[in-house]
Amino acid sequence: GEKRGLDPVGPLPHIEPDILPDITTFRLLINAMERRGSIASAKLAEDLLHLLEEYYFELAPTTAIYNSVLNAWSQAGKMGNDSKVSFYAGERASTLLDKMLDEERHLTGMLPPPNESSFLMVINSLSHAANSALKAGNITDAENAANNAEELLQKMELQPLETRQIALSCRGSVLRIWASISGMPGSHGGYAARAQTLLMKMAEEAGHLPIDAIYFNVVLDAWARDLSRKGAGQIMSRLSKPRALLMDLIGDKYNAMPDNSSFNHVIRACYAPWASRQNVEEDGDRMNAWEMAFDIYSKMAGRHHGSCRPDAHTYTHMFKAIACLWPKAISKSSDERLALCRNIFQSCCQDGQLTKTSFWVLSTLLEPSELMDLLSDELGDISMMTKELHYNPDRLYTQMPAEWSKNGRHYKSLNRHKK
């Protein structure tokens, strides 16, 4: 006959009197609920935990069992379809952790103490809540989740916990929440700075432990998005923050190594204030920002060790930087602007990093005749290219030598059709 699904909680009250469940019974059932990833299963997992606490007090639940319930709520929040579900899951996880932190219950031996993983589970649940709020455009709820997560860090610092990788991950998860709010429509400034403050604390606590570059990249990306906000002022002052952080990374100040994304985020930050055409500052700020972007690009191109070399994203960002920071309307020397385009284009082709996007951006920088002159310098005979191709960058791109894009062609996001 047809198999009927069995609720693992159901059999517990019907176990024979002489057959008692042990701690493994509860652990396995709670683990099963944890893996389901729904609000209903998270509730069942917590119901099982309460059953264990209230009726089987001779069986002492371990911290690992509590963490399974906390993770059940975290997974339920991650799988939730709306922000209300995710926030509910985050609140339930936070309430259970507060219960574990109850000092009186610790002294009586009623509860096991939380560990780093306990805090990480709850912080993750708040991270899911913040992400759901941002998807719904609710900045206030995302801020509340971030503040609650940061309060958990303060509680964690009061516990006799070791500074291990999991504890660092807790701080990294909170800085990611603040960073994710930066630059969102309707948000104000300050989120990137809060994320960087947490990063500095994280680096201080890490000591000899290595820190993944991704945490630095999250903060650098947050600064780039913060600088893109409409009407944001004090551009050069704020732009100095991500640049200084990258320079410290390059100078081995932290136990972390920069990667390509580290450089690319800062180059993007340099032109971000002018990318939306909303921010109008003095021409001097544009030139200062350009010099900063070109300096970072030059440092990247001059690195002869490690994996940081200009990639397809780097060249695309550099062409965008020229477009934003050397606009035709204010360029004092079109020859200098054209020379910059030629220099970067030659390096891009030599590295095999040309993409459809970078070529399209380049074509918007130059007049059709200037673009054809540039291609003539590189290709020699361009008589096979009909005049109609001069005005169609997508089709013109298909005529470029394959070796110019031998590496760039692997970047799918940069090779989509451009209108």
Protein backbone atom coordinates (compact mmCIF):
# COMPACT_ATOMS: atom_id res chain seq x y z
CA GLY A 1 0.00 0.00 0.00
CA GLU A 2 0.89 3.66 -0.07
CA LYS A 3 3.49 4.69 2.53
CA ARG A 4 2.34 7.29 5.02
CA GLY A 5 4.73 9.97 6.28
CA LEU A 6 5.56 9.53 9.97
CA ASP A 7 5.81 12.49 12.34
CA PRO A 8 8.93 11.72 14.40
CA VAL A 9 7.47 13.53 17.44
CA GLY A 10 4.33 11.40 17.44
CA PRO A 11 5.82 8.09 18.64
CA LEU A 12 7.41 9.57 21.79
CA PRO A 13 4.28 9.50 24.00
CA HIS A 14 3.51 5.93 22.88
CA ILE A 15 6.83 4.31 23.76
CA GLU A 16 6.36 1.28 26.00
CA PRO A 17 6.83 2.03 29.72
CA ASP A 18 9.93 -0.11 29.98
CA ILE A 19 11.53 1.43 26.87
CA LEU A 20 12.72 4.95 27.62
CA PRO A 21 14.21 7.36 25.09
CA ASP A 22 17.76 8.41 25.79
CA ILE A 23 19.64 11.55 24.83
CA THR A 24 20.55 10.03 21.44
CA THR A 25 16.85 9.58 20.67
CA PHE A 26 16.21 13.27 21.14
CA ARG A 27 19.38 14.26 19.30
CA LEU A 28 18.45 12.25 16.21
CA LEU A 29 14.89 13.57 16.14
CA ILE A 30 15.99 17.18 16.57
CA ASN A 31 18.63 16.74 13.86
CA ALA A 32 15.93 15.43 11.54
CA MET A 33 13.84 18.55 12.18
CA GLU A 34 16.90 20.76 11.70
CA ARG A 35 17.46 19.43 8.18
CA ARG A 36 13.92 20.16 7.01
CA GLY A 37 14.42 23.92 6.99
CA SER A 38 10.84 25.08 7.64
CA ILE A 39 9.09 27.04 10.38
CA ALA A 40 6.98 24.01 11.27
CA SER A 41 10.02 21.75 11.64
CA ALA A 42 11.87 24.39 13.70
CA LYS A 43 8.86 24.57 16.06
CA LEU A 44 8.87 20.78 16.37
CA ALA A 45 12.60 20.81 17.14
CA GLU A 46 12.06 23.34 19.93
CA ASP A 47 9.04 21.41 21.23
CA LEU A 48 11.24 18.33 21.47
CA LEU A 49 13.83 20.35 23.38
CA HIS A 50 11.18 21.55 25.85
CA LEU A 51 9.93 17.98 26.23
CA LEU A 52 13.46 16.89 27.04
CA GLU A 53 13.92 19.69 29.57
CA GLU A 54 10.58 19.31 31.36
CA TYR A 55 9.92 15.56 31.43
CA TYR A 56 13.32 13.94 31.01
CA PHE A 57 15.34 16.09 33.38
CA GLU A 58 17.64 13.18 34.13
CA LEU A 59 18.86 13.48 30.54
CA ALA A 60 21.08 16.56 30.36
CA PRO A 61 20.79 18.25 26.93
CA THR A 62 24.15 19.26 25.51
CA THR A 63 25.12 22.55 23.91
CA ALA A 64 25.18 20.71 20.57
CA ILE A 65 21.49 19.84 20.90
CA TYR A 66 20.60 23.46 21.65
CA ASN A 67 22.69 24.51 18.66
CA SER A 68 20.72 22.14 16.44
CA VAL A 69 17.51 23.89 17.44
CA LEU A 70 19.12 27.30 16.89
CA ASN A 71 20.24 26.17 13.43
CA ALA A 72 16.74 24.86 12.70
CA TRP A 73 15.43 28.41 13.22
CA SER A 74 18.27 29.85 11.16
CA GLN A 75 17.53 27.52 8.25
CA ALA A 76 13.81 28.24 8.53
CA GLY A 77 14.53 31.96 8.24
CA LYS A 78 16.74 31.38 5.24
CA MET A 79 14.03 29.40 3.46
CA GLY A 80 11.26 31.84 4.41
CA ASN A 81 9.33 33.44 1.56
CA ASP A 82 8.93 36.84 3.21
CA SER A 83 10.62 39.09 5.73
CA LYS A 84 7.99 38.44 8.43
CA VAL A 85 8.82 34.74 8.43
CA SER A 86 12.55 35.44 8.55
CA PHE A 87 12.16 37.93 11.40
CA TYR A 88 9.99 35.50 13.34
CA ALA A 89 12.66 32.83 13.00
CA GLY A 90 15.34 35.28 14.09
CA GLU A 91 13.33 36.30 17.16
CA ARG A 92 12.77 32.67 18.20
CA ALA A 93 16.47 31.90 17.84
CA SER A 94 17.41 35.01 19.85
CA THR A 95 14.95 34.11 22.61
CA LEU A 96 16.40 30.61 22.93
CA LEU A 97 19.95 31.97 23.11
CA ASP A 98 18.89 34.44 25.83
CA LYS A 99 17.55 31.46 27.73
CA MET A 100 20.93 29.72 27.39
CA LEU A 101 22.59 32.89 28.73
CA ASP A 102 20.40 32.94 31.87
CA GLU A 103 22.92 33.08 34.72
CA GLU A 104 20.62 31.55 37.35
CA ARG A 105 19.95 28.50 35.23
CA HIS A 106 23.68 28.10 34.66
CA LEU A 107 24.37 28.12 38.38
CA THR A 108 21.75 25.42 39.01
CA GLY A 109 23.12 23.33 36.16
CA MET A 110 19.79 23.41 34.31
CA LEU A 111 21.31 24.63 31.03
CA PRO A 112 24.56 24.07 29.17
CA PRO A 113 26.52 27.23 28.32
CA PRO A 114 26.45 28.52 24.74
CA ASN A 115 29.58 28.34 22.62
CA GLU A 116 30.75 30.29 19.58
CA SER A 117 28.56 28.19 17.30
CA SER A 118 25.48 29.13 19.34
CA PHE A 119 26.09 32.80 18.65
CA LEU A 120 26.90 32.14 14.99
CA MET A 121 23.57 30.32 14.45
CA VAL A 122 21.57 33.23 15.86
CA ILE A 123 23.61 35.87 14.03
CA ASN A 124 23.03 33.92 10.81
CA SER A 125 19.28 33.93 11.48
CA LEU A 126 19.40 37.73 11.90
CA SER A 127 21.41 37.97 8.69
CA HIS A 128 18.66 36.08 6.83
CA ALA A 129 16.12 38.48 8.34
CA ALA A 130 18.13 41.50 7.16
CA ASN A 131 18.46 40.07 3.64
CA SER A 132 14.71 39.45 3.44
CA ALA A 133 14.02 43.00 4.62
CA LEU A 134 16.36 44.46 1.99
CA LYS A 135 14.66 42.44 -0.74
CA ALA A 136 11.38 43.99 0.40
CA GLY A 137 12.97 47.46 0.42
CA ASN A 138 12.61 47.79 4.20
CA ILE A 139 15.80 49.52 5.36
CA THR A 140 14.52 50.05 8.93
CA ASP A 141 13.97 46.33 9.57
CA ALA A 142 17.39 45.54 8.10
CA GLU A 143 18.95 48.11 10.46
CA ASN A 144 17.14 46.56 13.41
CA ALA A 145 18.48 43.12 12.50
CA ALA A 146 21.99 44.53 12.19
CA ASN A 147 21.75 46.26 15.57
CA ASN A 148 20.43 43.10 17.23
CA ALA A 149 23.28 41.09 15.70
CA GLU A 150 25.84 43.60 16.94
CA GLU A 151 24.34 43.40 20.44
CA LEU A 152 24.90 39.65 20.30
CA LEU A 153 28.58 40.27 19.61
CA GLN A 154 28.75 42.32 22.80
CA LYS A 155 27.12 39.49 24.75
CA MET A 156 29.54 37.03 23.19
CA GLU A 157 32.51 39.10 24.34
CA LEU A 158 31.33 38.71 27.94
CA GLN A 159 31.40 34.93 27.72
CA PRO A 160 34.47 32.82 28.58
CA LEU A 161 34.88 31.76 24.97
CA GLU A 162 38.08 31.17 23.06
CA THR A 163 38.99 33.47 20.18
CA ARG A 164 38.66 30.87 17.48
CA GLN A 165 37.76 30.97 13.82
CA ILE A 166 34.05 30.57 14.62
CA ALA A 167 34.13 33.63 16.88
CA LEU A 168 35.75 35.60 14.05
CA SER A 169 33.05 34.32 11.69
CA CYS A 170 30.42 35.79 14.04
CA ARG A 171 31.96 39.24 13.70
CA GLY A 172 32.36 38.72 9.94
CA SER A 173 28.66 37.86 9.59
CA VAL A 174 27.62 41.06 11.36
CA LEU A 175 29.91 43.26 9.27
CA ARG A 176 28.35 41.65 6.19
CA ILE A 177 24.90 42.73 7.37
CA TRP A 178 25.98 46.37 7.75
CA ALA A 179 27.82 46.25 4.44
CA SER A 180 24.76 44.85 2.63
CA ILE A 181 22.69 47.92 3.62
CA SER A 182 25.30 50.36 2.26
CA GLY A 183 24.22 52.14 -0.91
CA MET A 184 20.71 50.67 -0.93
CA PRO A 185 17.98 52.99 -2.29
CA GLY A 186 16.62 55.03 0.59
CA SER A 187 19.55 54.32 2.89
CA HIS A 188 21.73 56.99 4.44
CA GLY A 189 25.50 56.90 4.88
CA GLY A 190 27.55 55.38 7.65
CA TYR A 191 26.99 51.68 7.01
CA ALA A 192 30.35 51.13 5.31
CA ALA A 193 32.09 52.85 8.24
CA ARG A 194 30.28 50.58 10.75
CA ALA A 195 31.29 47.53 8.75
CA GLN A 196 34.92 48.69 8.70
CA THR A 197 34.90 49.29 12.47
CA LEU A 198 33.88 45.66 12.96
CA LEU A 199 36.54 44.55 10.49
CA MET A 200 39.24 46.36 12.45
CA LYS A 201 38.05 44.70 15.67
CA MET A 202 38.04 41.37 13.88
CA ALA A 203 41.63 41.88 12.69
CA GLU A 204 42.69 42.82 16.22
CA GLU A 205 41.11 39.70 17.72
CA ALA A 206 42.46 37.38 15.02
CA GLY A 207 46.06 37.70 16.16
CA HIS A 208 48.02 35.03 14.29
CA LEU A 209 44.89 33.55 12.69
CA PRO A 210 44.53 34.31 8.96
CA ILE A 211 41.56 36.41 7.85
CA ASP A 212 39.83 35.60 4.58
CA ALA A 213 40.17 38.45 2.08
CA ILE A 214 36.44 38.21 1.45
CA TYR A 215 35.75 40.22 4.63
CA PHE A 216 37.97 43.04 3.42
CA ASN A 217 36.33 42.86 0.00
CA VAL A 218 32.86 43.11 1.55
CA VAL A 219 33.88 46.36 3.25
CA LEU A 220 35.59 47.73 0.11
CA ASP A 221 32.46 46.94 -1.91
CA ALA A 222 30.34 48.67 0.75
CA TRP A 223 32.43 51.84 0.36
CA ALA A 224 32.01 51.72 -3.44
CA ARG A 225 28.23 51.45 -3.07
CA ASP A 226 28.20 54.14 -0.36
CA LEU A 227 30.03 56.51 -2.72
CA SER A 228 27.42 55.91 -5.42
CA ARG A 229 24.59 57.35 -3.31
CA LYS A 230 22.78 60.31 -4.85
CA GLY A 231 23.90 63.62 -3.40
CA ALA A 232 26.62 62.10 -1.22
CA GLY A 233 29.14 64.75 -0.20
CA GLN A 234 32.73 64.79 1.09
CA ILE A 235 33.72 62.48 -1.76
CA MET A 236 37.48 62.62 -1.45
CA SER A 237 37.36 62.26 2.33
CA ARG A 238 35.26 59.09 2.08
CA LEU A 239 37.18 57.79 -0.93
CA SER A 240 40.36 57.89 1.15
CA LYS A 241 38.91 55.17 3.45
CA PRO A 242 38.82 52.26 0.97
CA ARG A 243 42.12 53.36 -0.58
CA ALA A 244 43.85 53.38 2.82
CA LEU A 245 42.39 49.95 3.65
CA LEU A 246 43.72 48.52 0.37
CA MET A 247 47.15 50.08 0.93
CA ASP A 248 47.26 48.48 4.40
CA LEU A 249 46.39 45.12 2.82
CA ILE A 250 49.14 45.51 0.23
CA GLY A 251 51.55 46.52 3.00
CA ASP A 252 50.86 43.30 4.95
CA LYS A 253 49.42 45.17 7.93
CA TYR A 254 46.82 42.45 8.38
CA ASN A 255 47.06 38.69 8.26
CA ALA A 256 45.26 38.69 4.90
CA MET A 257 46.22 38.90 1.25
CA PRO A 258 44.39 41.17 -1.23
CA ASP A 259 42.99 39.56 -4.34
CA ASN A 260 41.74 40.93 -7.65
CA SER A 261 38.40 41.91 -6.16
CA SER A 262 40.16 44.03 -3.52
CA PHE A 263 41.76 46.19 -6.21
CA ASN A 264 38.68 46.23 -8.46
CA HIS A 265 36.33 47.42 -5.69
CA VAL A 266 38.55 50.42 -4.95
CA ILE A 267 38.90 51.35 -8.64
CA ARG A 268 35.09 51.19 -8.86
CA ALA A 269 34.80 53.36 -5.75
CA CYS A 270 36.91 56.03 -7.46
CA TYR A 271 34.38 56.67 -10.23
CA ALA A 272 31.21 55.62 -8.35
CA PRO A 273 30.19 59.18 -7.31
CA TRP A 274 30.00 60.25 -10.96
CA ALA A 275 28.65 57.03 -12.48
CA SER A 276 25.00 57.98 -11.95
CA ARG A 277 25.60 61.56 -13.17
CA GLN A 278 23.90 62.70 -9.97
CA ASN A 279 26.94 64.03 -8.13
CA VAL A 280 28.54 67.19 -9.45
CA GLU A 281 31.78 68.14 -7.74
CA GLU A 282 34.73 70.30 -8.68
CA ASP A 283 36.78 69.12 -11.65
CA GLY A 284 39.71 68.85 -9.24
CA ASP A 285 37.92 66.06 -7.37
CA ARG A 286 37.47 64.15 -10.61
CA MET A 287 41.16 64.42 -11.40
CA ASN A 288 42.14 63.43 -7.86
CA ALA A 289 39.83 60.43 -8.09
CA TRP A 290 41.30 59.53 -11.49
CA GLU A 291 44.86 59.71 -10.17
CA MET A 292 43.84 57.42 -7.33
CA ALA A 293 42.22 54.92 -9.69
CA PHE A 294 45.18 54.92 -12.09
CA ASP A 295 47.64 54.51 -9.20
CA ILE A 296 45.76 51.45 -7.95
CA TYR A 297 45.59 50.02 -11.48
CA SER A 298 49.34 50.62 -11.92
CA LYS A 299 50.13 48.88 -8.63
CA MET A 300 48.04 45.93 -9.76
CA ALA A 301 49.66 45.80 -13.21
CA GLY A 302 53.12 46.04 -11.66
CA ARG A 303 52.72 43.13 -9.26
CA HIS A 304 55.07 40.36 -10.33
CA HIS A 305 54.11 37.89 -7.61
CA GLY A 306 50.86 36.50 -6.32
CA SER A 307 47.61 36.23 -8.20
CA CYS A 308 46.68 39.93 -8.41
CA ARG A 309 46.91 40.99 -12.03
CA PRO A 310 44.44 43.10 -14.01
CA ASP A 311 41.54 40.93 -15.14
CA ALA A 312 38.53 41.54 -17.37
CA HIS A 313 36.71 43.39 -14.57
CA THR A 314 39.74 45.62 -13.96
CA TYR A 315 39.88 46.81 -17.57
CA THR A 316 36.12 47.36 -17.69
CA HIS A 317 36.34 49.47 -14.53
CA MET A 318 39.24 51.47 -15.95
CA PHE A 319 37.30 52.32 -19.12
CA LYS A 320 34.33 53.32 -16.95
CA ALA A 321 36.67 55.44 -14.82
CA ILE A 322 37.78 57.32 -17.94
CA ALA A 323 34.15 57.79 -18.97
CA CYS A 324 33.19 59.23 -15.57
CA LEU A 325 36.34 61.09 -14.61
CA TRP A 326 37.42 62.30 -18.06
CA PRO A 327 34.07 63.34 -19.58
CA LYS A 328 34.36 65.00 -22.97
CA ALA A 329 32.68 68.15 -21.70
CA ILE A 330 35.50 68.96 -19.25
CA SER A 331 38.47 67.20 -20.79
CA LYS A 332 41.12 69.83 -21.43
CA SER A 333 43.08 67.58 -23.69
CA SER A 334 41.29 65.08 -25.93
CA ASP A 335 44.71 63.80 -27.01
CA GLU A 336 45.57 62.86 -23.42
CA ARG A 337 42.20 61.15 -23.00
CA LEU A 338 42.71 59.22 -26.23
CA ALA A 339 46.23 58.24 -25.14
CA LEU A 340 44.83 56.80 -21.89
CA CYS A 341 42.28 54.76 -23.82
CA ARG A 342 44.96 53.46 -26.17
CA ASN A 343 47.35 52.56 -23.32
CA ILE A 344 44.76 50.62 -21.35
CA PHE A 345 43.26 49.00 -24.45
CA GLN A 346 46.69 47.73 -25.54
CA SER A 347 47.31 46.18 -22.10
CA CYS A 348 43.82 44.67 -22.09
CA CYS A 349 44.38 43.00 -25.46
CA GLN A 350 47.88 41.81 -24.55
CA ASP A 351 46.46 40.16 -21.44
CA GLY A 352 43.65 38.59 -23.47
CA GLN A 353 41.06 40.23 -21.19
CA LEU A 354 38.87 42.02 -23.74
CA THR A 355 35.14 41.44 -23.28
CA LYS A 356 32.00 42.62 -24.99
CA THR A 357 31.29 45.01 -22.09
CA SER A 358 34.76 46.56 -21.98
CA PHE A 359 34.74 47.04 -25.76
CA TRP A 360 31.26 48.59 -25.61
CA VAL A 361 32.36 51.03 -22.86
CA LEU A 362 35.45 51.91 -24.91
CA SER A 363 33.25 52.60 -27.95
CA THR A 364 31.17 55.09 -25.92
CA LEU A 365 34.36 56.93 -24.94
CA LEU A 366 35.50 57.56 -28.49
CA GLU A 367 34.10 58.92 -31.70
CA PRO A 368 33.71 56.21 -34.36
CA SER A 369 36.68 57.64 -36.27
CA GLU A 370 38.84 57.63 -33.11
CA LEU A 371 37.90 54.04 -32.39
CA MET A 372 38.80 52.95 -35.92
CA ASP A 373 42.12 54.80 -35.70
CA LEU A 374 42.87 52.99 -32.47
CA LEU A 375 42.01 49.62 -34.03
CA SER A 376 44.08 50.47 -37.08
CA ASP A 377 47.10 51.06 -34.85
CA GLU A 378 46.64 47.61 -33.33
CA LEU A 379 45.46 45.60 -36.35
CA GLY A 380 47.09 47.36 -39.27
CA ASP A 381 44.74 46.74 -42.21
CA ILE A 382 41.09 47.30 -41.26
CA SER A 383 39.79 47.65 -44.80
CA MET A 384 37.67 44.52 -44.35
CA MET A 385 35.57 46.30 -41.71
CA THR A 386 32.66 47.96 -43.43
CA LYS A 387 31.57 51.42 -42.40
CA GLU A 388 28.32 50.12 -40.87
CA LEU A 389 30.41 48.16 -38.37
CA HIS A 390 31.93 51.41 -37.10
CA TYR A 391 28.58 52.24 -35.49
CA ASN A 392 27.79 48.75 -34.17
CA PRO A 393 30.18 47.86 -31.30
CA ASP A 394 28.66 44.42 -30.74
CA ARG A 395 29.26 43.35 -34.33
CA LEU A 396 32.62 45.12 -34.45
CA TYR A 397 33.68 43.16 -31.37
CA THR A 398 33.18 39.88 -33.27
CA GLN A 399 35.87 41.00 -35.74
CA MET A 400 38.54 41.34 -33.07
CA PRO A 401 41.36 38.74 -32.92
CA ALA A 402 40.48 35.75 -30.71
CA GLU A 403 43.67 36.12 -28.64
CA TRP A 404 42.48 39.53 -27.42
CA SER A 405 39.64 37.83 -25.53
CA LYS A 406 41.17 34.41 -24.79
CA ASN A 407 40.79 35.02 -21.03
CA GLY A 408 38.00 37.60 -21.07
CA ARG A 409 35.57 35.27 -22.82
CA HIS A 410 35.26 33.23 -19.61
CA TYR A 411 33.55 36.16 -17.79
CA LYS A 412 29.92 35.50 -18.68
CA SER A 413 28.55 38.61 -16.96
CA LEU A 414 30.82 40.81 -19.10
CA ASN A 415 29.91 39.17 -22.41
CA ARG A 416 26.18 39.70 -22.53
CA HIS A 417 24.56 41.79 -25.24
CA LYS A 418 24.89 45.52 -24.71
CA LYS A 419 22.30 47.99 -25.95
